[in-house]
Amino acid sequence: TRQKATELGLSLEDTTLQVLSRLPLRISVKMLESAATAQTEGADPNL
């Protein structure tokens, strides 16, 4: 999950990465991709 976040240009907080680590990888990756889109639109990817 941390590696995928880095690949997408996301710099996520440890608490966010811990939340993602409790989820299935496929779901986590979808959430990371949505977060990358949110970041490009000016939103906080952690939120």
All heavy atoms as atom14 arrays in JSON, in Angstrom:
{
  "sequence": "TRQKATELGLSLEDTTLQVLSRLPLRISVKMLESAATAQTEGADPNL",
  "atom14_mask": [
    [1, 1, 1, 1, 1, 1, 1, 0, 0, 0, 0, 0, 0, 0],
    [1, 1, 1, 1, 1, 1, 1, 1, 1, 1, 1, 0, 0, 0],
    [1, 1, 1, 1, 1, 1, 1, 1, 1, 0, 0, 0, 0, 0],
    [1, 1, 1, 1, 1, 1, 1, 1, 1, 0, 0, 0, 0, 0],
    [1, 1, 1, 1, 1, 0, 0, 0, 0, 0, 0, 0, 0, 0],
    [1, 1, 1, 1, 1, 1, 1, 0, 0, 0, 0, 0, 0, 0],
    [1, 1, 1, 1, 1, 1, 1, 1, 1, 0, 0, 0, 0, 0],
    [1, 1, 1, 1, 1, 1, 1, 1, 0, 0, 0, 0, 0, 0],
    [1, 1, 1, 1, 0, 0, 0, 0, 0, 0, 0, 0, 0, 0],
    [1, 1, 1, 1, 1, 1, 1, 1, 0, 0, 0, 0, 0, 0],
    [1, 1, 1, 1, 1, 1, 0, 0, 0, 0, 0, 0, 0, 0],
    [1, 1, 1, 1, 1, 1, 1, 1, 0, 0, 0, 0, 0, 0],
    [1, 1, 1, 1, 1, 1, 1, 1, 1, 0, 0, 0, 0, 0],
    [1, 1, 1, 1, 1, 1, 1, 1, 0, 0, 0, 0, 0, 0],
    [1, 1, 1, 1, 1, 1, 1, 0, 0, 0, 0, 0, 0, 0],
    [1, 1, 1, 1, 1, 1, 1, 0, 0, 0, 0, 0, 0, 0],
    [1, 1, 1, 1, 1, 1, 1, 1, 0, 0, 0, 0, 0, 0],
    [1, 1, 1, 1, 1, 1, 1, 1, 1, 0, 0, 0, 0, 0],
    [1, 1, 1, 1, 1, 1, 1, 0, 0, 0, 0, 0, 0, 0],
    [1, 1, 1, 1, 1, 1, 1, 1, 0, 0, 0, 0, 0, 0],
    [1, 1, 1, 1, 1, 1, 0, 0, 0, 0, 0, 0, 0, 0],
    [1, 1, 1, 1, 1, 1, 1, 1, 1, 1, 1, 0, 0, 0],
    [1, 1, 1, 1, 1, 1, 1, 1, 0, 0, 0, 0, 0, 0],
    [1, 1, 1, 1, 1, 1, 1, 0, 0, 0, 0, 0, 0, 0],
    [1, 1, 1, 1, 1, 1, 1, 1, 0, 0, 0, 0, 0, 0],
    [1, 1, 1, 1, 1, 1, 1, 1, 1, 1, 1, 0, 0, 0],
    [1, 1, 1, 1, 1, 1, 1, 1, 0, 0, 0, 0, 0, 0],
    [1, 1, 1, 1, 1, 1, 0, 0, 0, 0, 0, 0, 0, 0],
    [1, 1, 1, 1, 1, 1, 1, 0, 0, 0, 0, 0, 0, 0],
    [1, 1, 1, 1, 1, 1, 1, 1, 1, 0, 0, 0, 0, 0],
    [1, 1, 1, 1, 1, 1, 1, 1, 0, 0, 0, 0, 0, 0],
    [1, 1, 1, 1, 1, 1, 1, 1, 0, 0, 0, 0, 0, 0],
    [1, 1, 1, 1, 1, 1, 1, 1, 1, 0, 0, 0, 0, 0],
    [1, 1, 1, 1, 1, 1, 0, 0, 0, 0, 0, 0, 0, 0],
    [1, 1, 1, 1, 1, 0, 0, 0, 0, 0, 0, 0, 0, 0],
    [1, 1, 1, 1, 1, 0, 0, 0, 0, 0, 0, 0, 0, 0],
    [1, 1, 1, 1, 1, 1, 1, 0, 0, 0, 0, 0, 0, 0],
    [1, 1, 1, 1, 1, 0, 0, 0, 0, 0, 0, 0, 0, 0],
    [1, 1, 1, 1, 1, 1, 1, 1, 1, 0, 0, 0, 0, 0],
    [1, 1, 1, 1, 1, 1, 1, 0, 0, 0, 0, 0, 0, 0],
    [1, 1, 1, 1, 1, 1, 1, 1, 1, 0, 0, 0, 0, 0],
    [1, 1, 1, 1, 0, 0, 0, 0, 0, 0, 0, 0, 0, 0],
    [1, 1, 1, 1, 1, 0, 0, 0, 0, 0, 0, 0, 0, 0],
    [1, 1, 1, 1, 1, 1, 1, 1, 0, 0, 0, 0, 0, 0],
    [1, 1, 1, 1, 1, 1, 1, 0, 0, 0, 0, 0, 0, 0],
    [1, 1, 1, 1, 1, 1, 1, 1, 0, 0, 0, 0, 0, 0],
    [1, 1, 1, 1, 1, 1, 1, 1, 0, 0, 0, 0, 0, 0]
  ],
  "atom14_positions": [
    [[0.83, -1.2, 0.0], [0.0, 0.0, 0.0], [0.87, 1.25, 0.0], [0.62, 2.19, -0.75], [-0.93, 0.0, 1.22], [-1.69, -1.22, 1.22], [-1.88, 1.17, 1.2], [0.0, 0.0, 0.0], [0.0, 0.0, 0.0], [0.0, 0.0, 0.0], [0.0, 0.0, 0.0], [0.0, 0.0, 0.0], [0.0, 0.0, 0.0], [0.0, 0.0, 0.0]],
    [[1.89, 1.26, 0.84], [2.8, 2.42, 0.9], [3.5, 2.6, -0.45], [3.64, 3.72, -0.94], [3.82, 2.24, 2.01], [4.74, 3.44, 2.19], [5.75, 3.22, 3.3], [5.15, 2.96, 4.58], [4.89, 3.89, 5.5], [5.18, 5.14, 5.25], [4.34, 3.56, 6.65], [0.0, 0.0, 0.0], [0.0, 0.0, 0.0], [0.0, 0.0, 0.0]],
    [[3.92, 1.52, -1.07], [4.59, 1.61, -2.37], [3.64, 2.16, -3.42], [4.02, 3.02, -4.21], [5.12, 0.25, -2.8], [5.89, 0.31, -4.11], [6.53, -1.01, -4.47], [6.65, -1.89, -3.65], [6.95, -1.14, -5.71], [0.0, 0.0, 0.0], [0.0, 0.0, 0.0], [0.0, 0.0, 0.0], [0.0, 0.0, 0.0], [0.0, 0.0, 0.0]],
    [[2.4, 1.69, -3.44], [1.43, 2.17, -4.43], [1.15, 3.65, -4.22], [1.04, 4.42, -5.18], [0.14, 1.35, -4.34], [-0.89, 1.72, -5.38], [-0.43, 1.41, -6.78], [-1.52, 1.69, -7.78], [-1.1, 1.48, -9.15], [0.0, 0.0, 0.0], [0.0, 0.0, 0.0], [0.0, 0.0, 0.0], [0.0, 0.0, 0.0], [0.0, 0.0, 0.0]],
    [[1.07, 4.07, -2.96], [0.85, 5.49, -2.66], [1.99, 6.33, -3.22], [1.77, 7.39, -3.82], [0.7, 5.7, -1.16], [0.0, 0.0, 0.0], [0.0, 0.0, 0.0], [0.0, 0.0, 0.0], [0.0, 0.0, 0.0], [0.0, 0.0, 0.0], [0.0, 0.0, 0.0], [0.0, 0.0, 0.0], [0.0, 0.0, 0.0], [0.0, 0.0, 0.0]],
    [[3.2, 5.86, -3.04], [4.37, 6.57, -3.55], [4.34, 6.63, -5.07], [4.62, 7.68, -5.66], [5.67, 5.89, -3.07], [5.66, 5.85, -1.64], [6.89, 6.62, -3.55], [0.0, 0.0, 0.0], [0.0, 0.0, 0.0], [0.0, 0.0, 0.0], [0.0, 0.0, 0.0], [0.0, 0.0, 0.0], [0.0, 0.0, 0.0], [0.0, 0.0, 0.0]],
    [[3.98, 5.52, -5.72], [3.89, 5.49, -7.18], [2.88, 6.5, -7.7], [3.06, 7.08, -8.77], [3.49, 4.09, -7.65], [4.57, 3.05, -7.51], [4.07, 1.65, -7.81], [2.91, 1.49, -8.29], [4.83, 0.69, -7.57], [0.0, 0.0, 0.0], [0.0, 0.0, 0.0], [0.0, 0.0, 0.0], [0.0, 0.0, 0.0], [0.0, 0.0, 0.0]],
    [[1.81, 6.71, -6.92], [0.76, 7.65, -7.34], [1.08, 9.09, -6.95], [0.27, 9.99, -7.2], [-0.58, 7.23, -6.73], [-1.17, 5.93, -7.26], [-2.37, 5.49, -6.43], [-1.56, 6.07, -8.73], [0.0, 0.0, 0.0], [0.0, 0.0, 0.0], [0.0, 0.0, 0.0], [0.0, 0.0, 0.0], [0.0, 0.0, 0.0], [0.0, 0.0, 0.0]],
    [[2.22, 9.3, -6.31], [2.61, 10.65, -5.92], [1.93, 11.13, -4.65], [1.84, 12.34, -4.41], [0.0, 0.0, 0.0], [0.0, 0.0, 0.0], [0.0, 0.0, 0.0], [0.0, 0.0, 0.0], [0.0, 0.0, 0.0], [0.0, 0.0, 0.0], [0.0, 0.0, 0.0], [0.0, 0.0, 0.0], [0.0, 0.0, 0.0], [0.0, 0.0, 0.0]],
    [[1.45, 10.19, -3.85], [0.78, 10.55, -2.6], [1.76, 10.47, -1.44], [2.53, 9.52, -1.33], [-0.39, 9.59, -2.33], [-1.51, 9.58, -3.36], [-2.47, 8.44, -3.07], [-2.24, 10.91, -3.33], [0.0, 0.0, 0.0], [0.0, 0.0, 0.0], [0.0, 0.0, 0.0], [0.0, 0.0, 0.0], [0.0, 0.0, 0.0], [0.0, 0.0, 0.0]],
    [[1.7, 11.44, -0.58], [2.49, 11.42, 0.65], [1.49, 11.34, 1.8], [0.99, 12.36, 2.28], [3.35, 12.69, 0.75], [4.09, 12.66, 1.94], [0.0, 0.0, 0.0], [0.0, 0.0, 0.0], [0.0, 0.0, 0.0], [0.0, 0.0, 0.0], [0.0, 0.0, 0.0], [0.0, 0.0, 0.0], [0.0, 0.0, 0.0], [0.0, 0.0, 0.0]],
    [[1.16, 10.11, 2.19], [0.12, 9.9, 3.19], [0.7, 9.81, 4.59], [1.84, 9.38, 4.79], [-0.66, 8.63, 2.87], [-1.38, 8.62, 1.52], [-2.04, 7.26, 1.3], [-2.4, 9.73, 1.44], [0.0, 0.0, 0.0], [0.0, 0.0, 0.0], [0.0, 0.0, 0.0], [0.0, 0.0, 0.0], [0.0, 0.0, 0.0], [0.0, 0.0, 0.0]],
    [[-0.11, 10.2, 5.56], [0.28, 10.11, 6.96], [0.28, 8.65, 7.39], [-0.43, 7.81, 6.82], [-0.7, 10.91, 7.81], [-0.7, 12.39, 7.47], [-1.83, 13.15, 8.13], [-2.69, 12.52, 8.81], [-1.88, 14.38, 7.96], [0.0, 0.0, 0.0], [0.0, 0.0, 0.0], [0.0, 0.0, 0.0], [0.0, 0.0, 0.0], [0.0, 0.0, 0.0]],
    [[1.05, 8.35, 8.44], [1.12, 6.97, 8.94], [-0.25, 6.46, 9.37], [-0.57, 5.3, 9.15], [2.1, 6.87, 10.12], [3.54, 6.85, 9.65], [3.79, 6.51, 8.47], [4.42, 7.16, 10.47], [0.0, 0.0, 0.0], [0.0, 0.0, 0.0], [0.0, 0.0, 0.0], [0.0, 0.0, 0.0], [0.0, 0.0, 0.0], [0.0, 0.0, 0.0]],
    [[-1.07, 7.31, 9.98], [-2.39, 6.85, 10.42], [-3.24, 6.42, 9.23], [-3.97, 5.44, 9.32], [-3.12, 7.94, 11.23], [-3.16, 9.15, 10.47], [-2.44, 8.2, 12.55], [0.0, 0.0, 0.0], [0.0, 0.0, 0.0], [0.0, 0.0, 0.0], [0.0, 0.0, 0.0], [0.0, 0.0, 0.0], [0.0, 0.0, 0.0], [0.0, 0.0, 0.0]],
    [[-3.13, 7.15, 8.14], [-3.88, 6.8, 6.93], [-3.39, 5.47, 6.38], [-4.2, 4.6, 6.01], [-3.73, 7.91, 5.86], [-4.15, 9.15, 6.42], [-4.55, 7.59, 4.63], [0.0, 0.0, 0.0], [0.0, 0.0, 0.0], [0.0, 0.0, 0.0], [0.0, 0.0, 0.0], [0.0, 0.0, 0.0], [0.0, 0.0, 0.0], [0.0, 0.0, 0.0]],
    [[-2.07, 5.27, 6.34], [-1.52, 4.01, 5.85], [-1.9, 2.85, 6.76], [-2.12, 1.73, 6.29], [0.0, 4.13, 5.71], [0.45, 5.06, 4.58], [1.93, 5.38, 4.71], [0.14, 4.46, 3.22], [0.0, 0.0, 0.0], [0.0, 0.0, 0.0], [0.0, 0.0, 0.0], [0.0, 0.0, 0.0], [0.0, 0.0, 0.0], [0.0, 0.0, 0.0]],
    [[-2.01, 3.09, 8.06], [-2.43, 2.03, 8.98], [-3.88, 1.63, 8.71], [-4.21, 0.45, 8.76], [-2.25, 2.47, 10.43], [-0.81, 2.53, 10.85], [-0.63, 3.15, 12.24], [-1.58, 3.62, 12.84], [0.6, 3.16, 12.71], [0.0, 0.0, 0.0], [0.0, 0.0, 0.0], [0.0, 0.0, 0.0], [0.0, 0.0, 0.0], [0.0, 0.0, 0.0]],
    [[-4.72, 2.61, 8.45], [-6.12, 2.3, 8.11], [-6.17, 1.45, 6.85], [-6.88, 0.44, 6.79], [-6.94, 3.6, 7.94], [-8.29, 3.33, 7.29], [-7.13, 4.29, 9.28], [0.0, 0.0, 0.0], [0.0, 0.0, 0.0], [0.0, 0.0, 0.0], [0.0, 0.0, 0.0], [0.0, 0.0, 0.0], [0.0, 0.0, 0.0], [0.0, 0.0, 0.0]],
    [[-5.4, 1.83, 5.84], [-5.38, 1.07, 4.59], [-4.83, -0.34, 4.78], [-5.28, -1.27, 4.12], [-4.53, 1.81, 3.54], [-5.16, 3.06, 2.95], [-4.13, 3.84, 2.15], [-6.37, 2.72, 2.11], [0.0, 0.0, 0.0], [0.0, 0.0, 0.0], [0.0, 0.0, 0.0], [0.0, 0.0, 0.0], [0.0, 0.0, 0.0], [0.0, 0.0, 0.0]],
    [[-3.9, -0.5, 5.71], [-3.3, -1.83, 5.92], [-4.3, -2.83, 6.48], [-4.11, -4.03, 6.38], [-2.08, -1.73, 6.84], [-2.47, -1.44, 8.16], [0.0, 0.0, 0.0], [0.0, 0.0, 0.0], [0.0, 0.0, 0.0], [0.0, 0.0, 0.0], [0.0, 0.0, 0.0], [0.0, 0.0, 0.0], [0.0, 0.0, 0.0], [0.0, 0.0, 0.0]],
    [[-5.39, -2.34, 7.08], [-6.41, -3.23, 7.64], [-7.43, -3.66, 6.59], [-8.29, -4.5, 6.87], [-7.12, -2.56, 8.81], [-6.23, -2.3, 10.0], [-7.02, -1.86, 11.21], [-7.83, -0.69, 10.97], [-7.52, 0.54, 11.36], [-6.4, 0.76, 11.99], [-8.33, 1.55, 11.13], [0.0, 0.0, 0.0], [0.0, 0.0, 0.0], [0.0, 0.0, 0.0]],
    [[-7.35, -3.08, 5.42], [-8.32, -3.37, 4.36], [-7.72, -4.32, 3.34], [-6.51, -4.42, 3.22], [-8.73, -2.06, 3.67], [-9.36, -0.99, 4.55], [-9.55, 0.29, 3.77], [-10.68, -1.46, 5.12], [0.0, 0.0, 0.0], [0.0, 0.0, 0.0], [0.0, 0.0, 0.0], [0.0, 0.0, 0.0], [0.0, 0.0, 0.0], [0.0, 0.0, 0.0]],
    [[-8.57, -5.0, 2.57], [-8.05, -5.83, 1.48], [-7.26, -4.98, 0.49], [-7.6, -3.82, 0.24], [-9.31, -6.39, 0.82], [-10.39, -6.27, 1.84], [-10.03, -5.08, 2.68], [0.0, 0.0, 0.0], [0.0, 0.0, 0.0], [0.0, 0.0, 0.0], [0.0, 0.0, 0.0], [0.0, 0.0, 0.0], [0.0, 0.0, 0.0], [0.0, 0.0, 0.0]],
    [[-6.19, -5.54, -0.06], [-5.3, -4.8, -0.94], [-6.05, -4.19, -2.13], [-5.82, -3.04, -2.49], [-4.15, -5.7, -1.42], [-3.12, -5.03, -2.31], [-2.45, -3.86, -1.6], [-2.09, -6.03, -2.78], [0.0, 0.0, 0.0], [0.0, 0.0, 0.0], [0.0, 0.0, 0.0], [0.0, 0.0, 0.0], [0.0, 0.0, 0.0], [0.0, 0.0, 0.0]],
    [[-6.94, -4.95, -2.73], [-7.68, -4.45, -3.89], [-8.48, -3.19, -3.53], [-8.49, -2.21, -4.27], [-8.62, -5.53, -4.42], [-9.29, -5.14, -5.71], [-10.17, -6.22, -6.27], [-9.84, -7.54, -5.76], [-10.59, -8.6, -5.89], [-11.73, -8.53, -6.52], [-10.24, -9.77, -5.41], [0.0, 0.0, 0.0], [0.0, 0.0, 0.0], [0.0, 0.0, 0.0]],
    [[-9.11, -3.19, -2.36], [-9.89, -2.03, -1.9], [-8.95, -0.86, -1.61], [-9.22, 0.28, -1.97], [-10.71, -2.4, -0.64], [-11.68, -3.55, -0.94], [-11.41, -1.19, -0.08], [-12.72, -3.26, -1.98], [0.0, 0.0, 0.0], [0.0, 0.0, 0.0], [0.0, 0.0, 0.0], [0.0, 0.0, 0.0], [0.0, 0.0, 0.0], [0.0, 0.0, 0.0]],
    [[-7.81, -1.16, -0.97], [-6.83, -0.11, -0.65], [-6.33, 0.58, -1.91], [-6.21, 1.81, -1.95], [-5.65, -0.69, 0.12], [-6.04, -1.17, 1.37], [0.0, 0.0, 0.0], [0.0, 0.0, 0.0], [0.0, 0.0, 0.0], [0.0, 0.0, 0.0], [0.0, 0.0, 0.0], [0.0, 0.0, 0.0], [0.0, 0.0, 0.0], [0.0, 0.0, 0.0]],
    [[-6.04, -0.2, -2.94], [-5.52, 0.38, -4.18], [-6.58, 1.27, -4.83], [-6.27, 2.36, -5.31], [-5.06, -0.74, -5.15], [-4.77, -0.18, -6.54], [-3.82, -1.43, -4.59], [0.0, 0.0, 0.0], [0.0, 0.0, 0.0], [0.0, 0.0, 0.0], [0.0, 0.0, 0.0], [0.0, 0.0, 0.0], [0.0, 0.0, 0.0], [0.0, 0.0, 0.0]],
    [[-7.84, 0.84, -4.81], [-8.92, 1.68, -5.37], [-9.02, 2.99, -4.6], [-9.2, 4.05, -5.19], [-10.25, 0.93, -5.34], [-10.36, -0.14, -6.39], [-11.71, -0.82, -6.34], [-11.78, -1.93, -7.39], [-13.06, -2.61, -7.4], [0.0, 0.0, 0.0], [0.0, 0.0, 0.0], [0.0, 0.0, 0.0], [0.0, 0.0, 0.0], [0.0, 0.0, 0.0]],
    [[-8.88, 2.91, -3.28], [-8.95, 4.12, -2.47], [-7.76, 5.03, -2.74], [-7.91, 6.26, -2.77], [-9.02, 3.75, -0.98], [-10.34, 3.16, -0.58], [-10.38, 2.82, 1.18], [-11.92, 1.94, 1.29], [0.0, 0.0, 0.0], [0.0, 0.0, 0.0], [0.0, 0.0, 0.0], [0.0, 0.0, 0.0], [0.0, 0.0, 0.0], [0.0, 0.0, 0.0]],
    [[-6.6, 4.45, -2.95], [-5.42, 5.25, -3.27], [-5.59, 5.97, -4.61], [-5.21, 7.13, -4.76], [-4.16, 4.38, -3.29], [-3.66, 3.91, -1.93], [-2.55, 2.88, -2.12], [-3.18, 5.07, -1.09], [0.0, 0.0, 0.0], [0.0, 0.0, 0.0], [0.0, 0.0, 0.0], [0.0, 0.0, 0.0], [0.0, 0.0, 0.0], [0.0, 0.0, 0.0]],
    [[-6.15, 5.27, -5.58], [-6.38, 5.88, -6.89], [-7.37, 7.03, -6.78], [-7.19, 8.09, -7.39], [-6.83, 4.83, -7.89], [-5.73, 3.85, -8.26], [-6.2, 2.62, -9.02], [-7.44, 2.38, -9.11], [-5.33, 1.89, -9.53], [0.0, 0.0, 0.0], [0.0, 0.0, 0.0], [0.0, 0.0, 0.0], [0.0, 0.0, 0.0], [0.0, 0.0, 0.0]],
    [[-8.41, 6.85, -5.97], [-9.37, 7.93, -5.74], [-8.72, 9.1, -5.01], [-9.0, 10.26, -5.3], [-10.56, 7.43, -4.92], [-11.29, 6.47, -5.64], [0.0, 0.0, 0.0], [0.0, 0.0, 0.0], [0.0, 0.0, 0.0], [0.0, 0.0, 0.0], [0.0, 0.0, 0.0], [0.0, 0.0, 0.0], [0.0, 0.0, 0.0], [0.0, 0.0, 0.0]],
    [[-7.84, 8.78, -4.08], [-7.14, 9.83, -3.34], [-6.22, 10.63, -4.25], [-6.08, 11.84, -4.1], [-6.34, 9.22, -2.19], [0.0, 0.0, 0.0], [0.0, 0.0, 0.0], [0.0, 0.0, 0.0], [0.0, 0.0, 0.0], [0.0, 0.0, 0.0], [0.0, 0.0, 0.0], [0.0, 0.0, 0.0], [0.0, 0.0, 0.0], [0.0, 0.0, 0.0]],
    [[-5.59, 9.95, -5.22], [-4.73, 10.65, -6.18], [-5.56, 11.61, -7.02], [-5.14, 12.74, -7.28], [-4.01, 9.64, -7.06], [0.0, 0.0, 0.0], [0.0, 0.0, 0.0], [0.0, 0.0, 0.0], [0.0, 0.0, 0.0], [0.0, 0.0, 0.0], [0.0, 0.0, 0.0], [0.0, 0.0, 0.0], [0.0, 0.0, 0.0], [0.0, 0.0, 0.0]],
    [[-6.76, 11.17, -7.41], [-7.65, 12.05, -8.17], [-8.06, 13.23, -7.31], [-8.05, 14.38, -7.77], [-8.9, 11.27, -8.63], [-8.48, 10.17, -9.44], [-9.85, 12.16, -9.41], [0.0, 0.0, 0.0], [0.0, 0.0, 0.0], [0.0, 0.0, 0.0], [0.0, 0.0, 0.0], [0.0, 0.0, 0.0], [0.0, 0.0, 0.0], [0.0, 0.0, 0.0]],
    [[-8.4, 12.97, -6.05], [-8.79, 14.04, -5.14], [-7.66, 15.04, -4.95], [-7.88, 16.25, -4.9], [-9.22, 13.45, -3.79], [0.0, 0.0, 0.0], [0.0, 0.0, 0.0], [0.0, 0.0, 0.0], [0.0, 0.0, 0.0], [0.0, 0.0, 0.0], [0.0, 0.0, 0.0], [0.0, 0.0, 0.0], [0.0, 0.0, 0.0], [0.0, 0.0, 0.0]],
    [[-6.43, 14.52, -4.88], [-5.28, 15.39, -4.69], [-5.08, 16.32, -5.89], [-4.77, 17.49, -5.73], [-4.01, 14.57, -4.46], [-2.76, 15.39, -4.26], [-1.57, 14.55, -3.87], [-1.5, 14.09, -2.75], [-0.66, 14.34, -4.81], [0.0, 0.0, 0.0], [0.0, 0.0, 0.0], [0.0, 0.0, 0.0], [0.0, 0.0, 0.0], [0.0, 0.0, 0.0]],
    [[-5.3, 15.79, -7.1], [-5.15, 16.63, -8.29], [-6.22, 17.71, -8.34], [-6.02, 18.75, -8.96], [-5.21, 15.79, -9.59], [-6.47, 15.13, -9.66], [-4.07, 14.82, -9.67], [0.0, 0.0, 0.0], [0.0, 0.0, 0.0], [0.0, 0.0, 0.0], [0.0, 0.0, 0.0], [0.0, 0.0, 0.0], [0.0, 0.0, 0.0], [0.0, 0.0, 0.0]],
    [[-7.33, 17.47, -7.65], [-8.41, 18.46, -7.58], [-8.25, 19.39, -6.39], [-9.14, 20.19, -6.09], [-9.76, 17.74, -7.53], [-10.05, 16.95, -8.79], [-11.28, 16.06, -8.68], [-11.87, 15.97, -7.58], [-11.64, 15.45, -9.69], [0.0, 0.0, 0.0], [0.0, 0.0, 0.0], [0.0, 0.0, 0.0], [0.0, 0.0, 0.0], [0.0, 0.0, 0.0]],
    [[-7.13, 19.26, -5.66], [-6.85, 20.17, -4.56], [-7.3, 19.69, -3.19], [-7.17, 20.41, -2.21], [0.0, 0.0, 0.0], [0.0, 0.0, 0.0], [0.0, 0.0, 0.0], [0.0, 0.0, 0.0], [0.0, 0.0, 0.0], [0.0, 0.0, 0.0], [0.0, 0.0, 0.0], [0.0, 0.0, 0.0], [0.0, 0.0, 0.0], [0.0, 0.0, 0.0]],
    [[-7.84, 18.49, -3.1], [-8.32, 17.96, -1.82], [-7.19, 17.23, -1.09], [-6.2, 16.83, -1.7], [-9.5, 17.02, -2.04], [0.0, 0.0, 0.0], [0.0, 0.0, 0.0], [0.0, 0.0, 0.0], [0.0, 0.0, 0.0], [0.0, 0.0, 0.0], [0.0, 0.0, 0.0], [0.0, 0.0, 0.0], [0.0, 0.0, 0.0], [0.0, 0.0, 0.0]],
    [[-7.37, 17.05, 0.2], [-6.39, 16.32, 1.02], [-6.58, 14.82, 0.78], [-7.64, 14.27, 1.07], [-6.6, 16.65, 2.5], [-5.6, 15.95, 3.42], [-4.77, 15.16, 2.94], [-5.67, 16.22, 4.63], [0.0, 0.0, 0.0], [0.0, 0.0, 0.0], [0.0, 0.0, 0.0], [0.0, 0.0, 0.0], [0.0, 0.0, 0.0], [0.0, 0.0, 0.0]],
    [[-5.55, 14.13, 0.25], [-5.7, 12.7, -0.02], [-5.91, 11.87, 1.25], [-6.59, 10.85, 1.21], [-4.4, 12.33, -0.72], [-3.42, 13.38, -0.33], [-4.22, 14.62, -0.11], [0.0, 0.0, 0.0], [0.0, 0.0, 0.0], [0.0, 0.0, 0.0], [0.0, 0.0, 0.0], [0.0, 0.0, 0.0], [0.0, 0.0, 0.0], [0.0, 0.0, 0.0]],
    [[-5.37, 12.33, 2.39], [-5.58, 11.61, 3.65], [-7.06, 11.59, 4.01], [-7.6, 10.56, 4.38], [-4.77, 12.26, 4.78], [-3.29, 12.05, 4.6], [-2.78, 10.95, 4.74], [-2.58, 13.13, 4.25], [0.0, 0.0, 0.0], [0.0, 0.0, 0.0], [0.0, 0.0, 0.0], [0.0, 0.0, 0.0], [0.0, 0.0, 0.0], [0.0, 0.0, 0.0]],
    [[-7.71, 12.76, 3.91], [-9.13, 12.83, 4.23], [-9.96, 11.99, 3.26], [-10.93, 11.34, 3.67], [-9.61, 14.28, 4.22], [-9.05, 15.18, 5.31], [-9.52, 16.61, 5.13], [-9.41, 14.66, 6.68], [0.0, 0.0, 0.0], [0.0, 0.0, 0.0], [0.0, 0.0, 0.0], [0.0, 0.0, 0.0], [0.0, 0.0, 0.0], [0.0, 0.0, 0.0]]
  ]
}
